[in-house]
Amino acid sequence: MGRNMDEKRLKAFEDMLAAILKQYDDTTEKMAKLKAEGKEKTVTYRQLFANKLQLQEMLSYYRTYGLLENEK
């Protein structure tokens, strides 16, 4: 792989990480709002919870490979 390709790939990984972090933050924010409204038993809350678990798993891979600090 050439240097230009390496830079594009690194940028893609960084963009992906940023998107996952944003989605994680959005999901936890929506869950907190629903919880404050007493809606933890709703299908929406449960789906958000499942999404949050998937996002946490993805972020754990980034941490495992030293691509993300343990800030969350």
N, C-alpha and C. Protein backbone atom coordinates (compact mmCIF):
# COMPACT_ATOMS: atom_id res chain seq x y z
N MET A 1 0.83 -1.19 0.00
CA MET A 1 0.00 0.00 0.00
C MET A 1 0.87 1.25 0.00
N GLY A 2 0.48 2.21 -0.78
CA GLY A 2 1.22 3.45 -0.82
C GLY A 2 0.86 4.34 0.35
N ARG A 3 1.66 5.36 0.52
CA ARG A 3 1.46 6.29 1.63
C ARG A 3 0.09 6.96 1.56
N ASN A 4 -0.32 7.36 0.36
CA ASN A 4 -1.61 8.01 0.19
C ASN A 4 -2.75 7.09 0.61
N MET A 5 -2.63 5.81 0.25
CA MET A 5 -3.65 4.83 0.63
C MET A 5 -3.66 4.63 2.14
N ASP A 6 -2.47 4.58 2.75
CA ASP A 6 -2.38 4.45 4.21
C ASP A 6 -3.07 5.62 4.90
N GLU A 7 -2.85 6.83 4.39
CA GLU A 7 -3.47 8.02 4.98
C GLU A 7 -4.98 7.98 4.82
N LYS A 8 -5.48 7.54 3.68
CA LYS A 8 -6.92 7.44 3.46
C LYS A 8 -7.53 6.40 4.40
N ARG A 9 -6.81 5.31 4.57
CA ARG A 9 -7.31 4.25 5.45
C ARG A 9 -7.35 4.73 6.91
N LEU A 10 -6.30 5.39 7.34
CA LEU A 10 -6.26 5.94 8.70
C LEU A 10 -7.41 6.93 8.90
N LYS A 11 -7.64 7.78 7.92
CA LYS A 11 -8.73 8.76 8.01
C LYS A 11 -10.07 8.03 8.12
N ALA A 12 -10.24 6.97 7.35
CA ALA A 12 -11.49 6.20 7.40
C ALA A 12 -11.69 5.58 8.78
N PHE A 13 -10.62 5.02 9.37
CA PHE A 13 -10.73 4.46 10.71
C PHE A 13 -11.08 5.54 11.73
N GLU A 14 -10.45 6.70 11.62
CA GLU A 14 -10.74 7.79 12.55
C GLU A 14 -12.18 8.28 12.39
N ASP A 15 -12.65 8.38 11.14
CA ASP A 15 -14.03 8.79 10.91
C ASP A 15 -15.01 7.77 11.48
N MET A 16 -14.69 6.49 11.32
CA MET A 16 -15.54 5.43 11.86
C MET A 16 -15.61 5.51 13.38
N LEU A 17 -14.47 5.70 14.02
CA LEU A 17 -14.43 5.81 15.47
C LEU A 17 -15.26 7.01 15.93
N ALA A 18 -15.10 8.15 15.27
CA ALA A 18 -15.87 9.34 15.64
C ALA A 18 -17.37 9.08 15.50
N ALA A 19 -17.78 8.38 14.44
CA ALA A 19 -19.20 8.07 14.23
C ALA A 19 -19.72 7.15 15.33
N ILE A 20 -18.92 6.15 15.71
CA ILE A 20 -19.35 5.23 16.77
C ILE A 20 -19.47 5.97 18.10
N LEU A 21 -18.50 6.82 18.41
CA LEU A 21 -18.56 7.59 19.65
C LEU A 21 -19.78 8.50 19.68
N LYS A 22 -20.09 9.14 18.55
CA LYS A 22 -21.26 10.03 18.49
C LYS A 22 -22.54 9.22 18.67
N GLN A 23 -22.62 8.08 18.00
CA GLN A 23 -23.81 7.24 18.11
C GLN A 23 -23.96 6.74 19.55
N TYR A 24 -22.85 6.38 20.19
CA TYR A 24 -22.90 5.94 21.59
C TYR A 24 -23.43 7.05 22.49
N ASP A 25 -22.89 8.27 22.31
CA ASP A 25 -23.35 9.40 23.12
C ASP A 25 -24.82 9.70 22.87
N ASP A 26 -25.24 9.69 21.61
CA ASP A 26 -26.65 9.94 21.28
C ASP A 26 -27.56 8.88 21.91
N THR A 27 -27.12 7.64 21.85
CA THR A 27 -27.91 6.54 22.40
C THR A 27 -28.06 6.67 23.91
N THR A 28 -26.96 6.94 24.61
CA THR A 28 -27.04 7.06 26.07
C THR A 28 -27.88 8.27 26.47
N GLU A 29 -27.81 9.34 25.67
CA GLU A 29 -28.63 10.52 25.95
C GLU A 29 -30.12 10.20 25.79
N LYS A 30 -30.48 9.50 24.72
CA LYS A 30 -31.88 9.11 24.51
C LYS A 30 -32.36 8.18 25.62
N MET A 31 -31.49 7.25 26.04
CA MET A 31 -31.86 6.33 27.12
C MET A 31 -32.10 7.09 28.42
N ALA A 32 -31.25 8.06 28.71
CA ALA A 32 -31.40 8.84 29.94
C ALA A 32 -32.72 9.61 29.93
N LYS A 33 -33.08 10.15 28.75
CA LYS A 33 -34.33 10.89 28.63
C LYS A 33 -35.52 9.97 28.88
N LEU A 34 -35.50 8.80 28.25
CA LEU A 34 -36.59 7.84 28.44
C LEU A 34 -36.67 7.38 29.90
N LYS A 35 -35.52 7.15 30.51
CA LYS A 35 -35.49 6.71 31.91
C LYS A 35 -36.09 7.78 32.81
N ALA A 36 -35.74 9.04 32.55
CA ALA A 36 -36.29 10.14 33.34
C ALA A 36 -37.80 10.23 33.21
N GLU A 37 -38.32 9.77 32.08
CA GLU A 37 -39.77 9.77 31.84
C GLU A 37 -40.43 8.47 32.32
N GLY A 38 -39.64 7.58 32.93
CA GLY A 38 -40.18 6.33 33.43
C GLY A 38 -40.50 5.32 32.34
N LYS A 39 -39.80 5.41 31.22
CA LYS A 39 -40.10 4.56 30.08
C LYS A 39 -39.03 3.48 29.83
N GLU A 40 -38.47 2.93 30.91
CA GLU A 40 -37.44 1.90 30.75
C GLU A 40 -37.99 0.58 30.21
N LYS A 41 -39.27 0.38 30.30
CA LYS A 41 -39.87 -0.89 29.86
C LYS A 41 -40.33 -0.85 28.40
N THR A 42 -40.15 0.28 27.73
CA THR A 42 -40.63 0.41 26.35
C THR A 42 -39.72 -0.34 25.38
N VAL A 43 -40.29 -0.67 24.23
CA VAL A 43 -39.54 -1.33 23.17
C VAL A 43 -38.39 -0.42 22.71
N THR A 44 -38.67 0.87 22.62
CA THR A 44 -37.64 1.82 22.18
C THR A 44 -36.45 1.79 23.13
N TYR A 45 -36.71 1.83 24.42
CA TYR A 45 -35.63 1.80 25.41
C TYR A 45 -34.83 0.50 25.29
N ARG A 46 -35.52 -0.59 25.15
CA ARG A 46 -34.83 -1.89 25.04
C ARG A 46 -33.98 -1.98 23.77
N GLN A 47 -34.48 -1.40 22.68
CA GLN A 47 -33.70 -1.38 21.43
C GLN A 47 -32.46 -0.51 21.60
N LEU A 48 -32.63 0.63 22.24
CA LEU A 48 -31.49 1.51 22.50
C LEU A 48 -30.46 0.79 23.38
N PHE A 49 -30.94 0.05 24.36
CA PHE A 49 -30.05 -0.70 25.25
C PHE A 49 -29.24 -1.72 24.44
N ALA A 50 -29.91 -2.42 23.54
CA ALA A 50 -29.22 -3.41 22.69
C ALA A 50 -28.19 -2.71 21.80
N ASN A 51 -28.57 -1.57 21.23
CA ASN A 51 -27.64 -0.81 20.40
C ASN A 51 -26.43 -0.36 21.21
N LYS A 52 -26.68 0.09 22.44
CA LYS A 52 -25.60 0.54 23.31
C LYS A 52 -24.62 -0.59 23.57
N LEU A 53 -25.12 -1.79 23.81
CA LEU A 53 -24.24 -2.94 24.04
C LEU A 53 -23.38 -3.23 22.81
N GLN A 54 -23.97 -3.14 21.63
CA GLN A 54 -23.20 -3.36 20.40
C GLN A 54 -22.12 -2.31 20.23
N LEU A 55 -22.47 -1.07 20.49
CA LEU A 55 -21.50 0.02 20.37
C LEU A 55 -20.37 -0.14 21.39
N GLN A 56 -20.71 -0.54 22.61
CA GLN A 56 -19.69 -0.78 23.64
C GLN A 56 -18.73 -1.87 23.19
N GLU A 57 -19.25 -2.90 22.56
CA GLU A 57 -18.42 -3.99 22.07
C GLU A 57 -17.45 -3.49 21.00
N MET A 58 -17.96 -2.68 20.09
CA MET A 58 -17.10 -2.11 19.05
C MET A 58 -16.01 -1.24 19.66
N LEU A 59 -16.39 -0.42 20.62
CA LEU A 59 -15.41 0.46 21.26
C LEU A 59 -14.37 -0.35 22.05
N SER A 60 -14.79 -1.49 22.59
CA SER A 60 -13.84 -2.32 23.32
C SER A 60 -12.76 -2.87 22.39
N TYR A 61 -13.11 -3.14 21.14
CA TYR A 61 -12.10 -3.58 20.17
C TYR A 61 -11.09 -2.46 19.91
N TYR A 62 -11.59 -1.24 19.76
CA TYR A 62 -10.67 -0.11 19.58
C TYR A 62 -9.71 0.00 20.76
N ARG A 63 -10.24 -0.15 21.98
CA ARG A 63 -9.38 -0.08 23.17
C ARG A 63 -8.37 -1.23 23.20
N THR A 64 -8.84 -2.44 22.89
CA THR A 64 -7.97 -3.62 22.90
C THR A 64 -6.76 -3.42 21.99
N TYR A 65 -6.97 -2.78 20.88
CA TYR A 65 -5.89 -2.58 19.91
C TYR A 65 -5.17 -1.25 20.09
N GLY A 66 -5.43 -0.58 21.23
CA GLY A 66 -4.72 0.65 21.55
C GLY A 66 -5.12 1.84 20.70
N LEU A 67 -6.33 1.81 20.15
CA LEU A 67 -6.78 2.89 19.29
C LEU A 67 -7.72 3.86 20.00
N LEU A 68 -7.98 3.60 21.28
CA LEU A 68 -8.88 4.47 22.05
C LEU A 68 -8.47 4.37 23.51
N GLU A 69 -8.35 5.51 24.16
CA GLU A 69 -8.06 5.50 25.59
C GLU A 69 -9.30 5.05 26.35
N ASN A 70 -9.12 4.67 27.60
CA ASN A 70 -10.23 4.18 28.43
C ASN A 70 -10.96 5.33 29.10
N GLU A 71 -11.52 6.25 28.31
CA GLU A 71 -12.21 7.38 28.92
C GLU A 71 -13.66 7.10 29.23
N LYS A 72 -14.21 6.01 28.67
CA LYS A 72 -15.64 5.71 28.92
C LYS A 72 -15.77 4.36 29.57
